[in-house]
Every structure is written in structure tokens, then in C-alpha cells.
Protein backbone atom coordinates (compact mmCIF):
# COMPACT_ATOMS: atom_id res chain seq x y z
CA UNK A 1 -15.99 -0.25 -33.18
CA UNK A 2 -18.96 -1.58 -34.73
CA UNK A 3 -22.12 0.58 -34.12
CA UNK A 4 -23.56 0.08 -30.78
CA UNK A 5 -27.41 1.18 -29.90
CA UNK A 6 -29.20 2.75 -27.47
CA UNK A 7 -32.55 2.43 -26.19
CA UNK A 8 -35.16 4.52 -23.77
CA UNK A 9 -38.41 3.79 -23.15
CA UNK A 10 -41.37 6.18 -22.34
CA UNK A 11 -44.22 5.96 -20.56
CA UNK A 12 -46.54 9.22 -20.04
CA UNK A 13 -47.94 9.53 -16.61
CA UNK A 14 -50.77 11.64 -15.11
CA UNK A 15 -50.82 14.99 -16.60
CA UNK A 16 -47.89 15.31 -19.07
CA UNK A 17 -44.95 12.89 -16.07
CA UNK A 18 -42.78 11.31 -18.51
CA UNK A 19 -41.47 7.56 -16.09
CA UNK A 20 -38.21 6.87 -18.74
CA UNK A 21 -36.46 4.07 -18.12
CA UNK A 22 -33.01 3.61 -19.64
CA UNK A 23 -31.22 -0.25 -18.96
CA UNK A 24 -32.23 -0.50 -15.33
CA UNK A 25 -32.33 3.28 -14.42
CA UNK A 26 -35.31 5.54 -14.71
CA UNK A 27 -36.13 9.00 -14.34
CA UNK A 28 -39.45 11.07 -13.90
CA UNK A 29 -39.93 13.44 -16.09
CA UNK A 30 -41.92 16.36 -16.33
CA UNK A 31 -42.95 20.29 -16.70
CA UNK A 32 -43.05 23.20 -14.45
CA UNK A 33 -46.13 24.43 -12.43
CA UNK A 34 -46.63 27.07 -15.02
CA UNK A 35 -46.36 24.85 -18.35
CA UNK A 36 -49.27 22.69 -17.30
CA UNK A 37 -46.67 19.86 -15.32
CA UNK A 38 -46.85 19.63 -11.56
CA UNK A 39 -42.63 20.16 -11.47
CA UNK A 40 -41.58 16.74 -10.56
CA UNK A 41 -38.43 16.32 -12.38
CA UNK A 42 -36.27 18.53 -15.21
CA UNK A 43 -38.24 19.12 -19.01
CA UNK A 44 -37.54 17.30 -21.84
CA UNK A 45 -35.59 20.80 -22.67
CA UNK A 46 -33.55 20.62 -19.86
CA UNK A 47 -32.80 17.13 -19.61
CA UNK A 48 -31.45 17.40 -23.22
CA UNK A 49 -28.97 20.38 -21.62
CA UNK A 50 -28.23 18.28 -18.41
CA UNK A 51 -27.36 15.19 -21.10
CA UNK A 52 -24.60 17.85 -22.73
CA UNK A 53 -23.34 18.74 -19.61
CA UNK A 54 -22.73 15.49 -18.36
CA UNK A 55 -21.39 13.74 -21.79
CA UNK A 56 -18.66 17.09 -21.92
CA UNK A 57 -17.97 15.89 -18.11
CA UNK A 58 -17.58 12.24 -19.05
CA UNK A 59 -15.26 13.36 -22.24
CA UNK A 60 -13.32 15.28 -20.45
CA UNK A 61 -12.34 12.59 -16.92
CA UNK A 62 -12.01 10.27 -20.07
CA UNK A 63 -9.50 12.15 -21.29
CA UNK A 64 -8.02 14.26 -18.98
CA UNK A 65 -5.07 11.34 -18.68
CA UNK A 66 -4.40 11.37 -22.43
CA UNK A 67 -3.94 14.99 -22.35
CA UNK A 68 -1.65 14.89 -19.10
CA UNK A 69 -4.76 17.61 -17.64
CA UNK A 70 -5.32 16.99 -14.44
CA UNK A 71 -8.03 18.00 -13.38
CA UNK A 72 -9.82 19.04 -9.73
CA UNK A 73 -12.90 20.13 -10.52
CA UNK A 74 -14.46 20.14 -13.92
CA UNK A 75 -18.15 21.84 -14.14
CA UNK A 76 -19.76 22.90 -17.45
CA UNK A 77 -23.06 25.27 -16.73
CA UNK A 78 -25.08 25.16 -20.39
CA UNK A 79 -28.30 27.70 -21.57
CA UNK A 80 -30.63 27.67 -24.15
CA UNK A 81 -33.41 29.87 -25.68
CA UNK A 82 -36.68 28.64 -26.85
CA UNK A 83 -39.62 30.94 -28.27
CA UNK A 84 -42.74 28.68 -26.35
CA UNK A 85 -44.66 30.72 -29.39
CA UNK A 86 -43.38 27.79 -31.66
CA UNK A 87 -44.39 24.97 -29.58
CA UNK A 88 -47.79 26.55 -29.26
CA UNK A 89 -48.41 26.97 -32.67
CA UNK A 90 -49.01 30.71 -32.16
CA UNK A 91 -45.73 31.58 -34.24
CA UNK A 92 -43.99 30.19 -37.20
CA UNK A 93 -40.59 29.07 -35.30
CA UNK A 94 -39.21 26.22 -34.60
CA UNK A 95 -40.35 24.50 -31.72
CA UNK A 96 -36.68 23.66 -30.45
CA UNK A 97 -33.59 25.26 -29.30
CA UNK A 98 -32.54 27.78 -31.26
CA UNK A 99 -29.70 29.28 -29.13
CA UNK A 100 -27.01 26.60 -26.91
CA UNK A 101 -24.03 27.88 -24.92
CA UNK A 102 -22.05 26.43 -22.76
CA UNK A 103 -19.13 26.58 -20.00
CA UNK A 104 -16.94 25.46 -18.96
CA UNK A 105 -15.75 25.83 -15.57
CA UNK A 106 -11.61 23.69 -15.14
CA UNK A 107 -9.10 23.79 -12.09
CA UNK A 108 -6.74 22.51 -12.85
CA UNK A 109 -2.15 22.87 -12.37
CA UNK A 110 -1.81 22.19 -16.04
CA UNK A 111 -0.08 24.20 -18.84
CA UNK A 112 -3.01 27.19 -20.31
CA UNK A 113 -1.53 25.24 -23.78
CA UNK A 114 -2.44 21.71 -22.69
CA UNK A 115 -5.71 22.17 -22.09
CA UNK A 116 -7.01 24.21 -24.81
CA UNK A 117 -6.25 21.59 -26.63
CA UNK A 118 -7.77 19.16 -24.31
CA UNK A 119 -11.08 21.38 -24.82
CA UNK A 120 -10.26 21.65 -28.31
CA UNK A 121 -10.96 17.90 -28.42
CA UNK A 122 -13.10 17.76 -25.77
CA UNK A 123 -15.46 19.35 -28.02
CA UNK A 124 -14.55 17.23 -31.11
CA UNK A 125 -15.70 13.56 -29.58
CA UNK A 126 -18.72 14.66 -27.84
CA UNK A 127 -21.47 12.32 -28.87
CA UNK A 128 -24.86 14.78 -27.34
CA UNK A 129 -22.33 18.30 -28.68
CA UNK A 130 -22.51 16.29 -32.05
CA UNK A 131 -25.69 15.01 -32.30
CA UNK A 132 -27.16 18.63 -31.14
CA UNK A 133 -24.67 20.36 -34.19
CA UNK A 134 -25.16 18.04 -36.73
CA UNK A 135 -27.80 16.76 -38.75
CA UNK A 136 -29.08 13.14 -37.13
CA UNK A 137 -31.38 11.41 -39.60
CA UNK A 138 -35.07 10.95 -37.36
CA UNK A 139 -37.89 8.90 -37.73
CA UNK A 140 -40.72 7.39 -36.56
CA UNK A 141 -40.28 3.61 -36.61
CA UNK A 142 -43.85 2.17 -36.22
CA UNK A 143 -47.68 3.38 -34.49
CA UNK A 144 -48.63 0.73 -32.85
CA UNK A 145 -52.38 0.49 -31.89
CA UNK A 146 -53.36 -1.36 -28.70
CA UNK A 147 -57.46 -1.11 -29.28
CA UNK A 148 -60.14 -1.38 -26.48
CA UNK A 149 -63.06 -3.27 -27.28
CA UNK A 150 -66.64 -0.75 -26.76
């Protein structure tokens, strides 16, 4: 299958609230009040954790039948560690996550060895997990300036 592109568009609203659109869907991203926001939505780093959990859940649903695993319930719990001093320029630590950990909560009558093979595969093919675990080429493509007349 050929490479497929996905697109998202974000527009800064009042304060640090951001409206994000992809296809016909939109979400509000904001920061908690303690970080200067109005707490009207998840913040970007929470959304990243949610994206990982959602991707793993989708992959589980897509591959469960192939691995002959019955999923009566599947949940993903994700926790990440960020030193905010990096974002605020208070130290030389990186501004992003230093560690991300997750737990799968599975309810299934399927044999454990089948579930183990299924989980190994899930971790190998999850696109968001792969993106987080491996270096990706990230580049600013362009800056478009729209100046208003004074």
C-alpha cells in the first residue's frame, strides 16, 4: 500500500486554547488553569498519551480476530513523565516526555500464550507507538506571513 498522508489544522483561540480540525472533526485543546489555561480540554501532552492509548486499542480490535483472541474488554492506561522546567527554560532538560509507560487491561477467555503473541504484535504495529519509540523526521516546512496594513 502506498504512503498515505493525514492532515490536521490548529488555530490559536483566546489564551492558550486551540481549536484543532482533522477531516470533519474538531477538538478543543487547552491547558489546566495551573498552567495558564482555562481547562476547556486536554492539553497537547495529554492528547499525545490519549492518542497512544487509542491507537493501541484500535490495533487490538483490528488484530484480535486474526490472533483468535476474544476481547470482552480492552483498556489502556498511559502515564508520562515531563519535567516542566524544560518547557519553561529553567534547566537544560528536554521539554518533552522523558518516559511513557502503559498498562493493558484485558478481559478475555482466550489462552494466555495466544494473548501474549497478540500483545507482542500489537506493540510492533501500533503507528503512534512506533512514532514515539523511533526517530521521525520533524521539520518546519514553511512560514506564511499575513501582514495587516498599519
